[in-house]
Structure formats: C-alpha cells, structure tokens
Amino acid sequence: MKKRILLIDKDEFVLKSFEYKLKQSGFEVFIANNGFSGIKMIKKIKPDLIFLELILPPPGGFEILKEFGSHFNFIVCSELKLEKDIQSAQKMGAKEFVKKEGIPTNTIAKLAVKYLN
C-alpha cells in the first residue's frame, strides 16, 4: 500500500508542484487549501506524513499542529522564517521545518522518503 501524504497550503502552485513530484516518487497525495479542509482530511485519511504551511486561512497551521502534532508526522514548509516560529512548530510536534521560498520539489520528495522509508 502506498504511503499517504497530505499537503496543506493556501498556494495552488505549491500544492500542484509538490503533488506532482510526490506522486512521481510513488506516494499517494491528498491536498487541502485551507486549515478547515486540512483538519477534515487529517481525520478522514489519517496520512502517514503531512506537509503544512503555517500561514493559512483559519484555522492556521499552529492550531493544526497544536491539535494533531503529537499524533501525526508533520513537516512544516512555511513562508515564516523567524526562529521563534521554528521553535514553536518543533515544540508542537513538527519533525522538521523548511523555508518554502525557492525550495526545490526534489527536496520535498527527499524529505518524504526520509520520514516514510
């Protein structure tokens, strides 16, 4: 059975480019473009890994991490860059924090393999 990855981000281009690369790498990929649909998808599909943007239409990424961070594997891929945001996300359960700006899709695929294989 393919590993399930959920992408939660407000940016349609990011969702589509990450989805394409992760599917190429053999993963089953689901997408959500806001916090509310992200929470619904987490509960419905119980993904093996979640890539999460912190800046989302409510509820935001920090709220999602607070609720689900101890139960699921999260990699935060965000526009936020402040050290306090990185530390907060990690305290709430994020396995890793990567800055989204300019990140190659190959890096996203490598992170998925790292945490799922």
N, C-alpha and C. Protein backbone atom coordinates (compact mmCIF):
# COMPACT_ATOMS: atom_id res chain seq x y z
N MET A 1 0.84 -1.19 0.00
CA MET A 1 0.00 0.00 0.00
C MET A 1 0.89 1.25 0.00
N LYS A 2 0.54 2.21 -0.84
CA LYS A 2 1.30 3.44 -0.93
C LYS A 2 1.15 4.26 0.35
N LYS A 3 2.22 4.93 0.73
CA LYS A 3 2.17 5.85 1.87
C LYS A 3 1.36 7.08 1.48
N ARG A 4 0.57 7.57 2.42
CA ARG A 4 -0.30 8.72 2.17
C ARG A 4 0.33 10.01 2.70
N ILE A 5 0.34 11.01 1.83
CA ILE A 5 0.87 12.32 2.20
C ILE A 5 -0.23 13.36 1.99
N LEU A 6 -0.40 14.22 2.98
CA LEU A 6 -1.34 15.32 2.88
C LEU A 6 -0.56 16.63 2.78
N LEU A 7 -0.91 17.44 1.80
CA LEU A 7 -0.31 18.77 1.63
C LEU A 7 -1.36 19.80 2.04
N ILE A 8 -1.01 20.66 3.00
CA ILE A 8 -1.93 21.72 3.43
C ILE A 8 -1.24 23.06 3.17
N ASP A 9 -1.76 23.79 2.20
CA ASP A 9 -1.17 25.07 1.81
C ASP A 9 -2.22 25.89 1.09
N LYS A 10 -2.12 27.19 1.19
CA LYS A 10 -3.06 28.09 0.51
C LYS A 10 -2.65 28.39 -0.93
N ASP A 11 -1.42 28.09 -1.27
CA ASP A 11 -0.86 28.42 -2.59
C ASP A 11 -1.08 27.26 -3.56
N GLU A 12 -1.93 27.48 -4.54
CA GLU A 12 -2.30 26.44 -5.50
C GLU A 12 -1.09 25.94 -6.30
N PHE A 13 -0.18 26.83 -6.66
CA PHE A 13 1.01 26.43 -7.40
C PHE A 13 1.88 25.49 -6.57
N VAL A 14 2.07 25.81 -5.30
CA VAL A 14 2.84 24.95 -4.40
C VAL A 14 2.17 23.59 -4.28
N LEU A 15 0.87 23.59 -4.06
CA LEU A 15 0.15 22.32 -3.94
C LEU A 15 0.34 21.45 -5.18
N LYS A 16 0.16 22.02 -6.34
CA LYS A 16 0.25 21.24 -7.58
C LYS A 16 1.68 20.76 -7.86
N SER A 17 2.67 21.63 -7.63
CA SER A 17 4.05 21.21 -7.92
C SER A 17 4.53 20.15 -6.92
N PHE A 18 4.20 20.32 -5.64
CA PHE A 18 4.58 19.30 -4.65
C PHE A 18 3.83 17.99 -4.92
N GLU A 19 2.54 18.11 -5.23
CA GLU A 19 1.74 16.92 -5.52
C GLU A 19 2.34 16.13 -6.68
N TYR A 20 2.69 16.81 -7.75
CA TYR A 20 3.26 16.16 -8.93
C TYR A 20 4.53 15.40 -8.58
N LYS A 21 5.45 16.06 -7.87
CA LYS A 21 6.74 15.43 -7.54
C LYS A 21 6.55 14.25 -6.60
N LEU A 22 5.67 14.39 -5.61
CA LEU A 22 5.46 13.30 -4.66
C LEU A 22 4.77 12.10 -5.31
N LYS A 23 3.85 12.35 -6.23
CA LYS A 23 3.22 11.24 -6.97
C LYS A 23 4.25 10.54 -7.84
N GLN A 24 5.14 11.32 -8.47
CA GLN A 24 6.23 10.74 -9.26
C GLN A 24 7.11 9.83 -8.41
N SER A 25 7.23 10.17 -7.13
CA SER A 25 8.07 9.41 -6.21
C SER A 25 7.34 8.21 -5.60
N GLY A 26 6.09 7.98 -6.02
CA GLY A 26 5.37 6.79 -5.61
C GLY A 26 4.44 6.93 -4.42
N PHE A 27 4.14 8.15 -4.00
CA PHE A 27 3.26 8.37 -2.86
C PHE A 27 1.84 8.67 -3.31
N GLU A 28 0.89 8.35 -2.45
CA GLU A 28 -0.50 8.76 -2.65
C GLU A 28 -0.64 10.14 -2.00
N VAL A 29 -1.10 11.12 -2.77
CA VAL A 29 -1.07 12.50 -2.30
C VAL A 29 -2.48 13.09 -2.26
N PHE A 30 -2.76 13.78 -1.17
CA PHE A 30 -4.02 14.48 -0.97
C PHE A 30 -3.69 15.95 -0.70
N ILE A 31 -4.61 16.84 -1.10
CA ILE A 31 -4.34 18.26 -0.90
C ILE A 31 -5.50 18.96 -0.20
N ALA A 32 -5.16 19.98 0.56
CA ALA A 32 -6.13 20.84 1.23
C ALA A 32 -5.62 22.27 1.12
N ASN A 33 -6.51 23.21 0.77
CA ASN A 33 -6.04 24.59 0.54
C ASN A 33 -6.39 25.55 1.67
N ASN A 34 -6.82 25.02 2.80
CA ASN A 34 -7.07 25.86 3.98
C ASN A 34 -7.06 24.98 5.23
N GLY A 35 -7.04 25.61 6.39
CA GLY A 35 -6.96 24.87 7.63
C GLY A 35 -8.15 23.97 7.88
N PHE A 36 -9.34 24.46 7.58
CA PHE A 36 -10.56 23.68 7.82
C PHE A 36 -10.56 22.39 7.01
N SER A 37 -10.29 22.50 5.70
CA SER A 37 -10.28 21.28 4.88
C SER A 37 -9.09 20.39 5.25
N GLY A 38 -7.99 20.99 5.72
CA GLY A 38 -6.86 20.20 6.18
C GLY A 38 -7.22 19.32 7.37
N ILE A 39 -7.93 19.89 8.33
CA ILE A 39 -8.36 19.11 9.50
C ILE A 39 -9.31 17.99 9.09
N LYS A 40 -10.24 18.29 8.18
CA LYS A 40 -11.16 17.25 7.70
C LYS A 40 -10.39 16.10 7.05
N MET A 41 -9.38 16.45 6.23
CA MET A 41 -8.60 15.42 5.55
C MET A 41 -7.75 14.61 6.53
N ILE A 42 -7.18 15.26 7.53
CA ILE A 42 -6.40 14.53 8.53
C ILE A 42 -7.27 13.47 9.18
N LYS A 43 -8.46 13.85 9.59
CA LYS A 43 -9.37 12.92 10.26
C LYS A 43 -9.85 11.81 9.33
N LYS A 44 -10.06 12.16 8.07
CA LYS A 44 -10.61 11.20 7.10
C LYS A 44 -9.57 10.19 6.62
N ILE A 45 -8.39 10.66 6.20
CA ILE A 45 -7.43 9.75 5.56
C ILE A 45 -6.31 9.28 6.48
N LYS A 46 -6.14 9.93 7.62
CA LYS A 46 -5.07 9.57 8.56
C LYS A 46 -3.73 9.39 7.82
N PRO A 47 -3.20 10.50 7.30
CA PRO A 47 -1.99 10.43 6.47
C PRO A 47 -0.75 9.98 7.25
N ASP A 48 0.19 9.41 6.51
CA ASP A 48 1.47 8.99 7.10
C ASP A 48 2.39 10.19 7.31
N LEU A 49 2.21 11.24 6.52
CA LEU A 49 3.04 12.43 6.59
C LEU A 49 2.22 13.63 6.12
N ILE A 50 2.43 14.77 6.78
CA ILE A 50 1.73 16.00 6.41
C ILE A 50 2.74 17.12 6.21
N PHE A 51 2.69 17.75 5.03
CA PHE A 51 3.44 18.97 4.78
C PHE A 51 2.49 20.13 5.07
N LEU A 52 2.88 21.02 5.97
CA LEU A 52 1.99 22.05 6.47
C LEU A 52 2.57 23.44 6.35
N GLU A 53 1.83 24.34 5.72
CA GLU A 53 2.13 25.77 5.75
C GLU A 53 1.49 26.33 7.01
N LEU A 54 2.18 27.19 7.72
CA LEU A 54 1.64 27.75 8.96
C LEU A 54 0.69 28.92 8.71
N ILE A 55 0.90 29.65 7.61
CA ILE A 55 0.04 30.80 7.30
C ILE A 55 -1.10 30.31 6.42
N LEU A 56 -2.25 30.09 7.05
CA LEU A 56 -3.42 29.55 6.36
C LEU A 56 -4.67 30.32 6.75
N PRO A 57 -5.69 30.27 5.86
CA PRO A 57 -7.00 30.74 6.32
C PRO A 57 -7.42 29.90 7.52
N PRO A 58 -8.08 30.49 8.50
CA PRO A 58 -8.38 29.79 9.76
C PRO A 58 -9.03 28.42 9.57
N PRO A 59 -8.69 27.51 10.46
CA PRO A 59 -7.66 27.65 11.49
C PRO A 59 -6.27 27.57 10.87
N GLY A 60 -5.34 28.29 11.46
CA GLY A 60 -3.97 28.36 10.94
C GLY A 60 -3.16 27.11 11.26
N GLY A 61 -1.97 27.10 10.71
CA GLY A 61 -1.09 25.95 10.87
C GLY A 61 -0.70 25.66 12.31
N PHE A 62 -0.50 26.70 13.12
CA PHE A 62 -0.15 26.46 14.52
C PHE A 62 -1.29 25.76 15.26
N GLU A 63 -2.53 26.13 14.94
CA GLU A 63 -3.67 25.47 15.57
C GLU A 63 -3.75 24.00 15.17
N ILE A 64 -3.46 23.72 13.90
CA ILE A 64 -3.46 22.33 13.43
C ILE A 64 -2.37 21.54 14.13
N LEU A 65 -1.19 22.12 14.24
CA LEU A 65 -0.08 21.45 14.94
C LEU A 65 -0.43 21.19 16.40
N LYS A 66 -1.04 22.17 17.03
CA LYS A 66 -1.39 22.04 18.45
C LYS A 66 -2.34 20.86 18.66
N GLU A 67 -3.30 20.70 17.73
CA GLU A 67 -4.29 19.63 17.87
C GLU A 67 -3.76 18.26 17.45
N PHE A 68 -2.94 18.21 16.40
CA PHE A 68 -2.57 16.92 15.81
C PHE A 68 -1.07 16.60 15.85
N GLY A 69 -0.24 17.54 16.30
CA GLY A 69 1.21 17.38 16.23
C GLY A 69 1.76 16.16 16.94
N SER A 70 1.11 15.72 17.99
CA SER A 70 1.62 14.56 18.72
C SER A 70 1.09 13.24 18.15
N HIS A 71 0.18 13.31 17.17
CA HIS A 71 -0.44 12.10 16.63
C HIS A 71 -0.03 11.78 15.19
N PHE A 72 0.52 12.76 14.49
CA PHE A 72 0.88 12.59 13.08
C PHE A 72 2.27 13.16 12.82
N ASN A 73 2.88 12.73 11.72
CA ASN A 73 4.18 13.24 11.31
C ASN A 73 3.99 14.49 10.47
N PHE A 74 4.51 15.62 10.96
CA PHE A 74 4.41 16.89 10.26
C PHE A 74 5.78 17.39 9.84
N ILE A 75 5.85 17.89 8.62
CA ILE A 75 6.97 18.70 8.17
C ILE A 75 6.38 20.06 7.83
N VAL A 76 6.84 21.07 8.52
CA VAL A 76 6.38 22.42 8.25
C VAL A 76 7.21 22.98 7.09
N CYS A 77 6.51 23.43 6.08
CA CYS A 77 7.12 24.04 4.91
C CYS A 77 6.44 25.39 4.76
N SER A 78 7.06 26.43 5.30
CA SER A 78 6.35 27.68 5.50
C SER A 78 7.08 28.91 5.00
N GLU A 79 6.30 29.96 4.81
CA GLU A 79 6.84 31.27 4.49
C GLU A 79 7.46 31.93 5.72
N LEU A 80 7.05 31.49 6.91
CA LEU A 80 7.60 32.05 8.14
C LEU A 80 9.06 31.67 8.28
N LYS A 81 9.87 32.62 8.80
CA LYS A 81 11.31 32.37 8.87
C LYS A 81 11.89 32.70 10.23
N LEU A 82 11.09 33.24 11.14
CA LEU A 82 11.61 33.65 12.44
C LEU A 82 11.93 32.43 13.30
N GLU A 83 13.02 32.52 14.02
CA GLU A 83 13.46 31.42 14.88
C GLU A 83 12.38 31.03 15.89
N LYS A 84 11.66 32.01 16.43
CA LYS A 84 10.62 31.70 17.41
C LYS A 84 9.50 30.86 16.79
N ASP A 85 9.18 31.11 15.52
CA ASP A 85 8.16 30.31 14.83
C ASP A 85 8.65 28.89 14.59
N ILE A 86 9.90 28.76 14.22
CA ILE A 86 10.50 27.44 14.00
C ILE A 86 10.49 26.65 15.31
N GLN A 87 10.92 27.27 16.39
CA GLN A 87 10.95 26.59 17.69
C GLN A 87 9.54 26.23 18.16
N SER A 88 8.58 27.12 17.97
CA SER A 88 7.20 26.82 18.36
C SER A 88 6.66 25.62 17.59
N ALA A 89 6.90 25.59 16.29
CA ALA A 89 6.42 24.47 15.47
C ALA A 89 7.06 23.16 15.93
N GLN A 90 8.34 23.18 16.23
CA GLN A 90 9.01 21.96 16.67
C GLN A 90 8.51 21.51 18.03
N LYS A 91 8.22 22.45 18.93
CA LYS A 91 7.67 22.09 20.24
C LYS A 91 6.29 21.46 20.11
N MET A 92 5.55 21.85 19.08
CA MET A 92 4.20 21.32 18.87
C MET A 92 4.21 20.01 18.10
N GLY A 93 5.39 19.53 17.72
CA GLY A 93 5.46 18.21 17.10
C GLY A 93 6.00 18.15 15.69
N ALA A 94 6.34 19.28 15.07
CA ALA A 94 6.89 19.23 13.72
C ALA A 94 8.22 18.49 13.72
N LYS A 95 8.37 17.54 12.84
CA LYS A 95 9.62 16.78 12.72
C LYS A 95 10.72 17.64 12.12
N GLU A 96 10.30 18.53 11.22
CA GLU A 96 11.27 19.36 10.52
C GLU A 96 10.58 20.65 10.08
N PHE A 97 11.38 21.70 9.90
CA PHE A 97 10.87 23.00 9.46
C PHE A 97 11.74 23.43 8.29
N VAL A 98 11.12 23.61 7.13
CA VAL A 98 11.86 24.08 5.96
C VAL A 98 11.22 25.36 5.45
N LYS A 99 12.06 26.25 4.98
CA LYS A 99 11.57 27.51 4.42
C LYS A 99 11.10 27.26 3.00
N LYS A 100 9.86 27.61 2.74
CA LYS A 100 9.21 27.28 1.47
C LYS A 100 9.78 28.04 0.29
N GLU A 101 10.21 29.24 0.51
CA GLU A 101 10.66 30.10 -0.58
C GLU A 101 11.80 29.45 -1.36
N GLY A 102 11.53 29.17 -2.63
CA GLY A 102 12.56 28.63 -3.51
C GLY A 102 12.96 27.19 -3.28
N ILE A 103 12.21 26.45 -2.47
CA ILE A 103 12.60 25.07 -2.19
C ILE A 103 12.34 24.19 -3.42
N PRO A 104 13.33 23.43 -3.84
CA PRO A 104 13.12 22.54 -4.99
C PRO A 104 12.17 21.39 -4.63
N THR A 105 11.37 20.98 -5.58
CA THR A 105 10.45 19.87 -5.31
C THR A 105 11.21 18.58 -5.01
N ASN A 106 12.44 18.45 -5.52
CA ASN A 106 13.26 17.28 -5.18
C ASN A 106 13.52 17.19 -3.69
N THR A 107 13.69 18.35 -3.05
CA THR A 107 13.91 18.38 -1.60
C THR A 107 12.68 17.87 -0.86
N ILE A 108 11.51 18.24 -1.33
CA ILE A 108 10.26 17.77 -0.71
C ILE A 108 10.17 16.25 -0.83
N ALA A 109 10.48 15.73 -1.99
CA ALA A 109 10.44 14.28 -2.19
C ALA A 109 11.46 13.57 -1.29
N LYS A 110 12.65 14.13 -1.16
CA LYS A 110 13.68 13.54 -0.30
C LYS A 110 13.24 13.54 1.17
N LEU A 111 12.59 14.61 1.61
CA LEU A 111 12.08 14.65 2.98
C LEU A 111 11.01 13.58 3.20
N ALA A 112 10.13 13.41 2.22
CA ALA A 112 9.10 12.37 2.34
C ALA A 112 9.73 10.99 2.46
N VAL A 113 10.72 10.71 1.64
CA VAL A 113 11.41 9.41 1.70
C VAL A 113 12.10 9.26 3.06
N LYS A 114 12.73 10.31 3.53
CA LYS A 114 13.44 10.27 4.81
C LYS A 114 12.51 9.85 5.95
N TYR A 115 11.30 10.39 5.98
CA TYR A 115 10.40 10.12 7.09
C TYR A 115 9.46 8.94 6.88
N LEU A 116 9.37 8.45 5.66
CA LEU A 116 8.42 7.35 5.40
C LEU A 116 9.07 6.02 5.04
N ASN A 117 10.37 6.02 4.82
CA ASN A 117 11.04 4.75 4.48
C ASN A 117 12.02 4.33 5.57
